C-alpha atoms as a PDB file:
ATOM      1  CA  MET A   1     -49.065 -27.188  25.796  1.00  0.00           C
ATOM      2  CA  ILE A   2     -45.821 -27.564  23.836  1.00  0.00           C
ATOM      3  CA  VAL A   3     -45.510 -25.838  20.461  1.00  0.00           C
ATOM      4  CA  LEU A   4     -42.651 -26.791  18.123  1.00  0.00           C
ATOM      5  CA  ASN A   5     -42.117 -23.720  15.957  1.00  0.00           C
ATOM      6  CA  LYS A   6     -40.119 -23.485  12.700  1.00  0.00           C
ATOM      7  CA  VAL A   7     -41.086 -26.984  11.600  1.00  0.00           C
ATOM      8  CA  ASP A   8     -40.369 -25.813   8.048  1.00  0.00           C
ATOM      9  CA  LEU A   9     -36.663 -25.694   8.972  1.00  0.00           C
ATOM     10  CA  ALA A  10     -36.556 -28.899  11.038  1.00  0.00           C
ATOM     11  CA  ASP A  11     -36.045 -32.519  10.041  1.00  0.00           C
ATOM     12  CA  ARG A  12     -39.536 -33.861   9.236  1.00  0.00           C
ATOM     13  CA  SER A  13     -39.043 -37.377  10.583  1.00  0.00           C
ATOM     14  CA  LEU A  14     -37.485 -36.145  13.829  1.00  0.00           C
ATOM     15  CA  THR A  15     -40.281 -33.616  14.291  1.00  0.00           C
ATOM     16  CA  GLU A  16     -42.839 -36.422  14.065  1.00  0.00           C
ATOM     17  CA  MET A  17     -40.833 -38.452  16.575  1.00  0.00           C
ATOM     18  CA  TRP A  18     -40.654 -35.525  19.006  1.00  0.00           C
ATOM     19  CA  LEU A  19     -44.405 -34.957  18.662  1.00  0.00           C
ATOM     20  CA  ARG A  20     -45.090 -38.610  19.501  1.00  0.00           C
ATOM     21  CA  HIS A  21     -42.615 -38.477  22.376  1.00  0.00           C
ATOM     22  CA  PHE A  22     -44.305 -35.479  24.025  1.00  0.00           C
ATOM     23  CA  LYS A  23     -47.771 -36.931  23.495  1.00  0.00           C
ATOM     24  CA  MET A  24     -46.625 -40.119  25.245  1.00  0.00           C
ATOM     25  CA  GLN A  25     -45.685 -37.894  28.193  1.00  0.00           C
ATOM     26  CA  ASN A  26     -49.315 -36.635  28.190  1.00  0.00           C
ATOM     27  CA  PHE A  27     -48.441 -33.214  26.790  1.00  0.00           C
ATOM     28  CA  ILE A  28     -50.539 -31.470  24.185  1.00  0.00           C
ATOM     29  CA  CYS A  29     -48.008 -30.892  21.433  1.00  0.00           C
ATOM     30  CA  TYR A  30     -48.301 -29.238  18.035  1.00  0.00           C
ATOM     31  CA  GLY A  31     -45.803 -28.359  15.300  1.00  0.00           C
ATOM     32  CA  VAL A  32     -46.218 -24.977  13.630  1.00  0.00           C
ATOM     33  CA  ASN A  33     -44.781 -22.702  10.965  1.00  0.00           C
ATOM     34  CA  SER A  34     -45.552 -19.205  12.234  1.00  0.00           C
ATOM     35  CA  HIS A  35     -45.427 -17.774   8.689  1.00  0.00           C
ATOM     36  CA  ASN A  36     -48.002 -20.203   7.315  1.00  0.00           C
ATOM     37  CA  LYS A  37     -51.649 -19.137   7.596  1.00  0.00           C
ATOM     38  CA  ASP A  38     -53.062 -22.678   7.591  1.00  0.00           C
ATOM     39  CA  SER A  39     -50.613 -23.721  10.286  1.00  0.00           C
ATOM     40  CA  ILE A  40     -51.582 -20.779  12.516  1.00  0.00           C
ATOM     41  CA  ASN A  41     -55.290 -21.396  11.926  1.00  0.00           C
ATOM     42  CA  GLU A  42     -54.837 -24.981  13.096  1.00  0.00           C
ATOM     43  CA  LEU A  43     -52.899 -23.802  16.162  1.00  0.00           C
ATOM     44  CA  LEU A  44     -55.707 -21.373  17.027  1.00  0.00           C
ATOM     45  CA  ARG A  45     -58.224 -24.199  16.650  1.00  0.00           C
ATOM     46  CA  VAL A  46     -56.210 -26.378  19.050  1.00  0.00           C
ATOM     47  CA  VAL A  47     -55.889 -23.534  21.569  1.00  0.00           C
ATOM     48  CA  ARG A  48     -59.627 -22.732  21.474  1.00  0.00           C
ATOM     49  CA  ALA A  49     -60.528 -26.396  21.840  1.00  0.00           C
ATOM     50  CA  ARG A  50     -58.267 -26.688  24.869  1.00  0.00           C
ATOM     51  CA  ILE A  51     -59.805 -23.590  26.478  1.00  0.00           C
ATOM     52  CA  ARG A  52     -63.349 -24.880  25.863  1.00  0.00           C
ATOM     53  CA  LYS A  53     -62.414 -28.163  27.488  1.00  0.00           C
ATOM     54  CA  LEU A  54     -61.096 -26.349  30.555  1.00  0.00           C
ATOM     55  CA  LYS A  55     -63.885 -23.760  30.799  1.00  0.00           C
ATOM     56  CA  GLY A  56     -66.919 -25.676  29.576  1.00  0.00           C
ATOM     57  CA  ASP A  57     -69.837 -23.934  27.854  1.00  0.00           C
ATOM     58  CA  ASP A  58     -69.452 -20.633  29.686  1.00  0.00           C
ATOM     59  CA  ARG A  59     -68.506 -17.907  27.151  1.00  0.00           C
ATOM     60  CA  SER A  60     -68.369 -14.965  29.571  1.00  0.00           C
ATOM     61  CA  TYR A  61     -64.764 -15.523  30.642  1.00  0.00           C
ATOM     62  CA  THR A  62     -61.519 -14.051  29.372  1.00  0.00           C
ATOM     63  CA  SER A  63     -58.557 -16.381  28.847  1.00  0.00           C
ATOM     64  CA  THR A  64     -54.906 -15.374  28.835  1.00  0.00           C
ATOM     65  CA  ILE A  65     -52.158 -17.531  27.356  1.00  0.00           C
ATOM     66  CA  LEU A  66     -48.531 -17.077  28.370  1.00  0.00           C
ATOM     67  CA  LEU A  67     -46.063 -17.843  25.556  1.00  0.00           C
ATOM     68  CA  VAL A  68     -42.689 -18.896  26.978  1.00  0.00           C
ATOM     69  CA  GLY A  69     -39.533 -20.132  25.242  1.00  0.00           C
ATOM     70  CA  ILE A  70     -35.854 -19.590  24.583  1.00  0.00           C
ATOM     71  CA  PRO A  71     -34.798 -16.388  22.762  1.00  0.00           C
ATOM     72  CA  ASN A  72     -35.373 -16.060  19.013  1.00  0.00           C
ATOM     73  CA  VAL A  73     -37.398 -19.236  18.674  1.00  0.00           C
ATOM     74  CA  GLY A  74     -40.138 -17.312  16.876  1.00  0.00           C
ATOM     75  CA  LYS A  75     -42.490 -16.383  19.707  1.00  0.00           C
ATOM     76  CA  SER A  76     -43.092 -12.828  18.473  1.00  0.00           C
ATOM     77  CA  ALA A  77     -43.651 -13.954  14.887  1.00  0.00           C
ATOM     78  CA  MET A  78     -46.159 -16.512  16.156  1.00  0.00           C
ATOM     79  CA  VAL A  79     -47.899 -13.851  18.238  1.00  0.00           C
ATOM     80  CA  ASN A  80     -48.180 -11.517  15.243  1.00  0.00           C
ATOM     81  CA  SER A  81     -49.724 -14.245  13.095  1.00  0.00           C
ATOM     82  CA  MET A  82     -52.137 -15.370  15.821  1.00  0.00           C
ATOM     83  CA  HIS A  83     -53.106 -11.747  16.518  1.00  0.00           C
ATOM     84  CA  GLN A  84     -53.737 -10.932  12.849  1.00  0.00           C
ATOM     85  CA  ILE A  85     -55.617 -14.121  11.969  1.00  0.00           C
ATOM     86  CA  GLY A  86     -57.487 -14.325  15.281  1.00  0.00           C
ATOM     87  CA  ARG A  87     -58.696 -10.734  15.072  1.00  0.00           C
ATOM     88  CA  THR A  88     -59.776 -11.145  11.458  1.00  0.00           C
ATOM     89  CA  GLY A  89     -61.776 -14.263  12.265  1.00  0.00           C
ATOM     90  CA  ALA A  90     -63.440 -12.549  15.218  1.00  0.00           C
ATOM     91  CA  GLU A  91     -64.085  -9.359  13.182  1.00  0.00           C
ATOM     92  CA  VAL A  92     -62.354  -7.257  15.832  1.00  0.00           C
ATOM     93  CA  LYS A  93     -61.997  -3.565  15.000  1.00  0.00           C
ATOM     94  CA  GLY A  94     -59.160  -1.261  15.953  1.00  0.00           C
ATOM     95  CA  LYS A  95     -55.482  -0.836  15.255  1.00  0.00           C
ATOM     96  CA  LEU A  96     -53.488  -3.999  14.639  1.00  0.00           C
ATOM     97  CA  LYS A  97     -50.525  -4.361  16.998  1.00  0.00           C
ATOM     98  CA  HIS A  98     -47.152  -5.764  15.954  1.00  0.00           C
ATOM     99  CA  ALA A  99     -44.632  -7.515  18.162  1.00  0.00           C
ATOM    100  CA  THR A 100     -41.003  -6.713  17.322  1.00  0.00           C
ATOM    101  CA  VAL A 101     -39.428  -9.478  15.238  1.00  0.00           C
ATOM    102  CA  SER A 102     -35.672  -9.696  14.696  1.00  0.00           C
ATOM    103  CA  SER A 103     -33.045 -12.227  13.673  1.00  0.00           C
ATOM    104  CA  LYS A 104     -31.054 -11.135  16.732  1.00  0.00           C
ATOM    105  CA  PRO A 105     -31.845 -12.615  20.173  1.00  0.00           C
ATOM    106  CA  GLY A 106     -33.186 -10.472  23.003  1.00  0.00           C
ATOM    107  CA  GLU A 107     -35.278  -7.976  21.002  1.00  0.00           C
ATOM    108  CA  THR A 108     -38.447  -8.565  23.076  1.00  0.00           C
ATOM    109  CA  LYS A 109     -37.933  -6.583  26.290  1.00  0.00           C
ATOM    110  CA  ASP A 110     -41.398  -6.566  27.915  1.00  0.00           C
ATOM    111  CA  ILE A 111     -44.456  -8.750  28.380  1.00  0.00           C
ATOM    112  CA  ILE A 112     -47.135  -7.479  25.977  1.00  0.00           C
ATOM    113  CA  SER A 113     -50.730  -8.666  25.473  1.00  0.00           C
ATOM    114  CA  TYR A 114     -52.316  -9.362  22.049  1.00  0.00           C
ATOM    115  CA  LYS A 115     -55.930 -10.300  21.409  1.00  0.00           C
ATOM    116  CA  ILE A 116     -56.401 -13.470  19.352  1.00  0.00           C
ATOM    117  CA  GLY A 117     -60.096 -14.224  19.819  1.00  0.00           C
ATOM    118  CA  SER A 118     -63.532 -12.969  20.883  1.00  0.00           C
ATOM    119  CA  HIS A 119     -66.604 -14.657  22.413  1.00  0.00           C
ATOM    120  CA  PRO A 120     -64.838 -15.697  24.549  1.00  0.00           C
ATOM    121  CA  ASN A 121     -62.034 -13.161  24.671  1.00  0.00           C
ATOM    122  CA  ILE A 122     -58.600 -14.754  24.344  1.00  0.00           C
ATOM    123  CA  TYR A 123     -55.303 -12.950  24.777  1.00  0.00           C
ATOM    124  CA  VAL A 124     -51.731 -14.176  24.321  1.00  0.00           C
ATOM    125  CA  LEU A 125     -48.780 -12.667  26.185  1.00  0.00           C
ATOM    126  CA  ASP A 126     -45.532 -12.301  24.255  1.00  0.00           C
ATOM    127  CA  THR A 127     -42.561 -12.609  26.605  1.00  0.00           C
ATOM    128  CA  PRO A 128     -38.768 -12.113  26.486  1.00  0.00           C
ATOM    129  CA  GLY A 129     -36.815 -15.300  25.879  1.00  0.00           C
ATOM    130  CA  VAL A 130     -35.558 -17.285  28.851  1.00  0.00           C
ATOM    131  CA  LEU A 131     -32.371 -19.319  29.202  1.00  0.00           C
ATOM    132  CA  SER A 132     -30.569 -21.147  31.958  1.00  0.00           C
ATOM    133  CA  GLY A 133     -27.834 -19.098  33.605  1.00  0.00           C
ATOM    134  CA  GLU A 134     -25.266 -21.764  32.733  1.00  0.00           C
ATOM    135  CA  ILE A 135     -24.667 -23.781  29.549  1.00  0.00           C
ATOM    136  CA  GLY A 136     -23.049 -26.956  30.810  1.00  0.00           C
ATOM    137  CA  VAL A 137     -23.121 -29.281  27.802  1.00  0.00           C
ATOM    138  CA  ASP A 138     -20.143 -28.945  25.440  1.00  0.00           C
ATOM    139  CA  ASP A 139     -22.065 -28.420  22.194  1.00  0.00           C
ATOM    140  CA  LEU A 140     -25.161 -26.756  23.687  1.00  0.00           C
ATOM    141  CA  GLY A 141     -23.742 -23.283  23.087  1.00  0.00           C
ATOM    142  CA  SER A 142     -23.223 -24.095  19.408  1.00  0.00           C
ATOM    143  CA  LYS A 143     -26.783 -25.416  19.093  1.00  0.00           C
ATOM    144  CA  LEU A 144     -28.235 -22.323  20.762  1.00  0.00           C
ATOM    145  CA  ALA A 145     -26.171 -19.973  18.598  1.00  0.00           C
ATOM    146  CA  LEU A 146     -27.001 -21.807  15.361  1.00  0.00           C
ATOM    147  CA  THR A 147     -30.717 -21.491  16.104  1.00  0.00           C
ATOM    148  CA  GLY A 148     -30.300 -17.812  17.051  1.00  0.00           C
ATOM    149  CA  ALA A 149     -30.967 -18.131  20.786  1.00  0.00           C
ATOM    150  CA  ILE A 150     -27.640 -16.517  21.694  1.00  0.00           C
ATOM    151  CA  ASP A 151     -25.393 -14.169  19.733  1.00  0.00           C
ATOM    152  CA  ASP A 152     -22.906 -15.720  17.312  1.00  0.00           C
ATOM    153  CA  SER A 153     -20.055 -13.810  18.949  1.00  0.00           C
ATOM    154  CA  LEU A 154     -20.387 -15.922  22.101  1.00  0.00           C
ATOM    155  CA  VAL A 155     -19.210 -18.949  20.139  1.00  0.00           C
ATOM    156  CA  GLY A 156     -17.637 -17.455  17.011  1.00  0.00           C
ATOM    157  CA  GLU A 157     -18.902 -17.652  13.442  1.00  0.00           C
ATOM    158  CA  VAL A 158     -16.086 -19.883  12.234  1.00  0.00           C
ATOM    159  CA  ASP A 159     -16.590 -22.321  15.124  1.00  0.00           C
ATOM    160  CA  LEU A 160     -20.328 -22.335  14.383  1.00  0.00           C
ATOM    161  CA  ALA A 161     -19.662 -23.113  10.729  1.00  0.00           C
ATOM    162  CA  TRP A 162     -17.405 -25.982  11.808  1.00  0.00           C
ATOM    163  CA  TYR A 163     -20.134 -27.363  14.055  1.00  0.00           C
ATOM    164  CA  PHE A 164     -22.810 -27.050  11.363  1.00  0.00           C
ATOM    165  CA  LEU A 165     -20.621 -28.797   8.780  1.00  0.00           C
ATOM    166  CA  SER A 166     -19.930 -31.610  11.244  1.00  0.00           C
ATOM    167  CA  VAL A 167     -23.702 -32.086  11.545  1.00  0.00           C
ATOM    168  CA  LEU A 168     -24.277 -31.845   7.781  1.00  0.00           C
ATOM    169  CA  ASN A 169     -21.496 -34.354   7.086  1.00  0.00           C
ATOM    170  CA  SER A 170     -23.057 -36.836   9.516  1.00  0.00           C
ATOM    171  CA  LYS A 171     -26.579 -36.600   8.091  1.00  0.00           C
ATOM    172  CA  GLU A 172     -28.209 -37.803   4.887  1.00  0.00           C
ATOM    173  CA  GLU A 173     -29.386 -34.400   3.663  1.00  0.00           C
ATOM    174  CA  TYR A 174     -26.439 -33.887   1.305  1.00  0.00           C
ATOM    175  CA  LYS A 175     -27.435 -36.987  -0.681  1.00  0.00           C
ATOM    176  CA  ARG A 176     -30.450 -35.054  -1.965  1.00  0.00           C
ATOM    177  CA  TRP A 177     -28.002 -32.925  -3.954  1.00  0.00           C
ATOM    178  CA  GLU A 178     -26.592 -35.852  -5.917  1.00  0.00           C
ATOM    179  CA  ASN A 179     -28.432 -34.818  -9.081  1.00  0.00           C
ATOM    180  CA  LEU A 180     -26.405 -31.604  -9.081  1.00  0.00           C
ATOM    181  CA  LYS A 181     -23.071 -33.364  -9.449  1.00  0.00           C
ATOM    182  CA  ALA A 182     -23.432 -33.765 -13.220  1.00  0.00           C
ATOM    183  CA  ASP A 183     -22.784 -30.027 -13.566  1.00  0.00           C
ATOM    184  CA  ALA A 184     -19.903 -29.973 -11.093  1.00  0.00           C
ATOM    185  CA  ASP A 185     -17.331 -29.181 -13.781  1.00  0.00           C
ATOM    186  CA  ASP A 186     -19.187 -26.146 -15.105  1.00  0.00           C
ATOM    187  CA  PRO A 187     -17.149 -22.933 -14.854  1.00  0.00           C
ATOM    188  CA  VAL A 188     -18.107 -20.703 -11.958  1.00  0.00           C
ATOM    189  CA  VAL A 189     -19.820 -17.491 -12.964  1.00  0.00           C
ATOM    190  CA  SER A 190     -17.494 -14.610 -12.114  1.00  0.00           C
ATOM    191  CA  THR A 191     -19.400 -11.681 -13.599  1.00  0.00           C
ATOM    192  CA  CYS A 192     -23.016 -10.600 -13.802  1.00  0.00           C
ATOM    193  CA  GLU A 193     -24.956 -12.313 -16.547  1.00  0.00           C
ATOM    194  CA  PHE A 194     -28.143 -11.460 -18.288  1.00  0.00           C
ATOM    195  CA  ASN A 195     -29.360 -14.160 -20.650  1.00  0.00           C
ATOM    196  CA  GLN A 196     -32.670 -14.084 -22.448  1.00  0.00           C
ATOM    197  CA  GLY A 197     -35.349 -15.748 -20.372  1.00  0.00           C
ATOM    198  CA  ARG A 198     -33.226 -15.533 -17.208  1.00  0.00           C
ATOM    199  CA  ARG A 199     -33.205 -12.895 -14.505  1.00  0.00           C
ATOM    200  CA  ARG A 200     -30.006 -10.962 -13.846  1.00  0.00           C
ATOM    201  CA  GLN A 201     -27.493 -12.835 -11.693  1.00  0.00           C
ATOM    202  CA  TYR A 202     -25.459 -11.050  -9.027  1.00  0.00           C
ATOM    203  CA  PRO A 203     -22.410 -13.053  -7.891  1.00  0.00           C
ATOM    204  CA  SER A 204     -22.122 -10.889  -4.766  1.00  0.00           C
ATOM    205  CA  ASP A 205     -25.543 -12.110  -3.547  1.00  0.00           C
ATOM    206  CA  HIS A 206     -24.968 -15.554  -2.041  1.00  0.00           C
ATOM    207  CA  THR A 207     -28.711 -16.179  -1.620  1.00  0.00           C
ATOM    208  CA  GLN A 208     -29.374 -16.410  -5.360  1.00  0.00           C
ATOM    209  CA  ASP A 209     -30.402 -19.825  -6.620  1.00  0.00           C
ATOM    210  CA  PHE A 210     -27.434 -20.357  -8.912  1.00  0.00           C
ATOM    211  CA  ILE A 211     -24.976 -19.715  -6.063  1.00  0.00           C
ATOM    212  CA  VAL A 212     -26.906 -21.915  -3.622  1.00  0.00           C
ATOM    213  CA  ARG A 213     -26.816 -24.663  -6.269  1.00  0.00           C
ATOM    214  CA  ASP A 214     -23.035 -24.317  -6.556  1.00  0.00           C
ATOM    215  CA  VAL A 215     -22.624 -24.397  -2.774  1.00  0.00           C
ATOM    216  CA  ARG A 216     -24.717 -27.557  -2.520  1.00  0.00           C
ATOM    217  CA  ARG A 217     -22.847 -29.412  -5.220  1.00  0.00           C
ATOM    218  CA  THR A 218     -19.487 -28.345  -3.766  1.00  0.00           C
ATOM    219  CA  LEU A 219     -20.472 -29.731  -0.378  1.00  0.00           C
ATOM    220  CA  PHE A 220     -21.765 -32.920  -2.004  1.00  0.00           C
ATOM    221  CA  ARG A 221     -18.571 -33.366  -3.983  1.00  0.00           C
ATOM    222  CA  CYS A 222     -16.407 -32.927  -0.865  1.00  0.00           C
ATOM    223  CA  ILE A 223     -18.395 -35.416   1.224  1.00  0.00           C
ATOM    224  CA  SER A 224     -18.968 -38.051  -1.452  1.00  0.00           C
ATOM    225  CA  SER A 225     -15.290 -38.070  -2.437  1.00  0.00           C
ATOM    226  CA  ASN A 226     -14.332 -38.865   1.150  1.00  0.00           C
ATOM    227  CA  SER A 227     -14.593 -42.618   1.673  1.00  0.00           C
ATOM    228  CA  VAL A 228     -12.893 -42.612   5.085  1.00  0.00           C
ATOM    229  CA  ASN A 229     -14.801 -43.166   8.333  1.00  0.00           C
ATOM    230  CA  LEU A 230     -16.096 -39.753   9.413  1.00  0.00           C
ATOM    231  CA  GLU A 231     -16.499 -40.888  13.011  1.00  0.00           C
ATOM    232  CA  ASN A 232     -12.758 -40.324  13.307  1.00  0.00           C
ATOM    233  CA  GLU A 233     -12.217 -36.807  14.668  1.00  0.00           C
ATOM    234  CA  ASN A 234      -9.133 -36.087  12.572  1.00  0.00           C
ATOM    235  CA  THR A 235     -10.837 -37.274   9.395  1.00  0.00           C
ATOM    236  CA  MET A 236     -13.856 -35.036  10.071  1.00  0.00           C
ATOM    237  CA  ARG A 237     -11.550 -32.084  10.743  1.00  0.00           C
ATOM    238  CA  MET A 238      -9.730 -32.575   7.448  1.00  0.00           C
ATOM    239  CA  LEU A 239     -13.029 -32.828   5.559  1.00  0.00           C
ATOM    240  CA  ILE A 240     -14.352 -29.601   7.096  1.00  0.00           C
ATOM    241  CA  GLU A 241     -11.131 -27.754   6.296  1.00  0.00           C
ATOM    242  CA  ASN A 242     -11.453 -28.918   2.684  1.00  0.00           C
ATOM    243  CA  GLN A 243     -15.080 -27.767   2.573  1.00  0.00           C
ATOM    244  CA  LEU A 244     -14.372 -24.306   3.985  1.00  0.00           C
ATOM    245  CA  THR A 245     -11.563 -23.879   1.484  1.00  0.00           C
ATOM    246  CA  ALA A 246     -13.594 -25.203  -1.460  1.00  0.00           C
ATOM    247  CA  LEU A 247     -16.565 -22.936  -0.650  1.00  0.00           C
ATOM    248  CA  HIS A 248     -14.606 -19.788  -1.513  1.00  0.00           C
ATOM    249  CA  GLU A 249     -15.193 -20.491  -5.202  1.00  0.00           C
ATOM    250  CA  PRO A 250     -18.976 -21.070  -5.290  1.00  0.00           C
ATOM    251  CA  LEU A 251     -19.491 -18.168  -2.872  1.00  0.00           C
ATOM    252  CA  ARG A 252     -17.390 -15.936  -5.136  1.00  0.00           C
ATOM    253  CA  LEU A 253     -15.016 -15.015  -2.316  1.00  0.00           C
ATOM    254  CA  PRO A 254     -11.303 -14.238  -2.610  1.00  0.00           C
ATOM    255  CA  LYS A 255      -8.954 -16.381  -0.576  1.00  0.00           C
ATOM    256  CA  GLU A 256      -7.708 -14.144   2.208  1.00  0.00           C
ATOM    257  CA  PRO A 257      -4.695 -14.454   4.523  1.00  0.00           C
ATOM    258  CA  CYS A 258      -4.719 -17.507   6.764  1.00  0.00           C
ATOM    259  CA  GLY A 259      -6.230 -15.851   9.836  1.00  0.00           C
ATOM    260  CA  ASP A 260      -9.254 -14.478   7.966  1.00  0.00           C
ATOM    261  CA  SER A 261      -9.706 -17.120   5.279  1.00  0.00           C
ATOM    262  CA  TYR A 262     -12.796 -18.747   6.759  1.00  0.00           C
ATOM    263  CA  LYS A 263     -14.663 -15.759   8.254  1.00  0.00           C
ATOM    264  CA  ALA A 264     -16.529 -14.655   5.125  1.00  0.00           C
ATOM    265  CA  VAL A 265     -17.319 -18.258   4.173  1.00  0.00           C
ATOM    266  CA  ALA A 266     -18.665 -18.955   7.670  1.00  0.00           C
ATOM    267  CA  SER A 267     -20.920 -15.881   7.649  1.00  0.00           C
ATOM    268  CA  LYS A 268     -22.535 -16.743   4.313  1.00  0.00           C
ATOM    269  CA  LEU A 269     -22.772 -20.453   5.109  1.00  0.00           C
ATOM    270  CA  LEU A 270     -24.594 -19.771   8.381  1.00  0.00           C
ATOM    271  CA  ASN A 271     -27.043 -17.465   6.605  1.00  0.00           C
ATOM    272  CA  LEU A 272     -27.871 -20.162   4.051  1.00  0.00           C
ATOM    273  CA  PHE A 273     -28.385 -22.708   6.831  1.00  0.00           C
ATOM    274  CA  ARG A 274     -30.670 -20.434   8.858  1.00  0.00           C
ATOM    275  CA  THR A 275     -32.876 -19.669   5.856  1.00  0.00           C
ATOM    276  CA  GLY A 276     -33.298 -23.352   5.021  1.00  0.00           C
ATOM    277  CA  ARG A 277     -31.285 -23.244   1.787  1.00  0.00           C
ATOM    278  CA  LEU A 278     -29.030 -26.111   2.887  1.00  0.00           C
ATOM    279  CA  GLY A 279     -31.705 -28.499   4.104  1.00  0.00           C
ATOM    280  CA  ARG A 280     -33.684 -29.187   7.257  1.00  0.00           C
ATOM    281  CA  TYR A 281     -31.933 -30.053  10.512  1.00  0.00           C
ATOM    282  CA  THR A 282     -32.852 -30.928  14.092  1.00  0.00           C
ATOM    283  CA  PHE A 283     -29.999 -30.819  16.595  1.00  0.00           C
ATOM    284  CA  ASP A 284     -31.671 -32.319  19.670  1.00  0.00           C
ATOM    285  CA  ILE A 285     -31.891 -36.103  19.800  1.00  0.00           C
ATOM    286  CA  LEU A 286     -34.743 -37.905  21.504  1.00  0.00           C
ATOM    287  CA  PRO A 287     -34.342 -39.101  25.111  1.00  0.00           C
ATOM    288  CA  ARG A 288     -33.584 -42.797  25.395  1.00  0.00           C
ATOM    289  CA  ILE A 289     -36.372 -43.378  27.923  1.00  0.00           C
ATOM    290  CA  THR A 290     -39.465 -44.273  25.915  1.00  0.00           C
ATOM    291  CA  ASN A 291     -41.979 -47.082  25.622  1.00  0.00           C
ATOM    292  CA  ASP A 292     -42.650 -46.516  21.941  1.00  0.00           C
ATOM    293  CA  PRO A 293     -40.488 -48.809  19.765  1.00  0.00           C
ATOM    294  CA  THR A 294     -41.035 -46.482  16.778  1.00  0.00           C
ATOM    295  CA  LEU A 295     -38.972 -43.794  18.528  1.00  0.00           C
ATOM    296  CA  SER A 296     -35.843 -45.895  18.898  1.00  0.00           C
END
């Protein structure tokens, strides 16, 4: 069974295409948001149905599910949700266990069992992430780092920001921010404000809505003002340099000496991407081999 986690951060249309692709290969496939109760309930329903199909009407057995995937894909968060919801539904007593969840890869060190159902008993094993010993494809390291599977330092935050912006510039997501361009000439807030009916704004906190809005409209303005073919490598490079420079203002960052000018921008930009504040993205394209014309 293949589970596509973090569907709330992925491109919706591509997720549907991947689901159809795997089902055509005769895999049971389900998309899930491990922080959504309804999504986890549906996953538990699918898992129980699959076990019943394999085991028949006998309820005296115990089933164990092994959860395997790359690092930091959300296995432990999924286990925690399945454990909490599954135990509650089965009215299981005792202390609730918690798998360690972290934004850093490699936090799960051991294989640990969590009960997710009774009558029959069902357990899920949380496991450390697994990766191939070699990363052969040129941009695979960037994809793995952007999704948190390997540490940013292995690629470099600035290089990761460059790669993410190259993806953003090639997609349609930025067009959703067009309605923000009408306010593009508004002065940037440089000090804390407290207006009646509004919560206090902290310019140092890049996750606040008013800063995210400014970042989005800055990115939109940079892309939409560039009418040159972005398939040209030099043109894309120039656009990204302009974006990284322009983002200092909406992120309320001082322009530092040349060598360090992009580091702070890259760090904040990557955080906004990983929390879904800059849209939904899927980096892996579908294989060309398929018999379904809707996947082409």
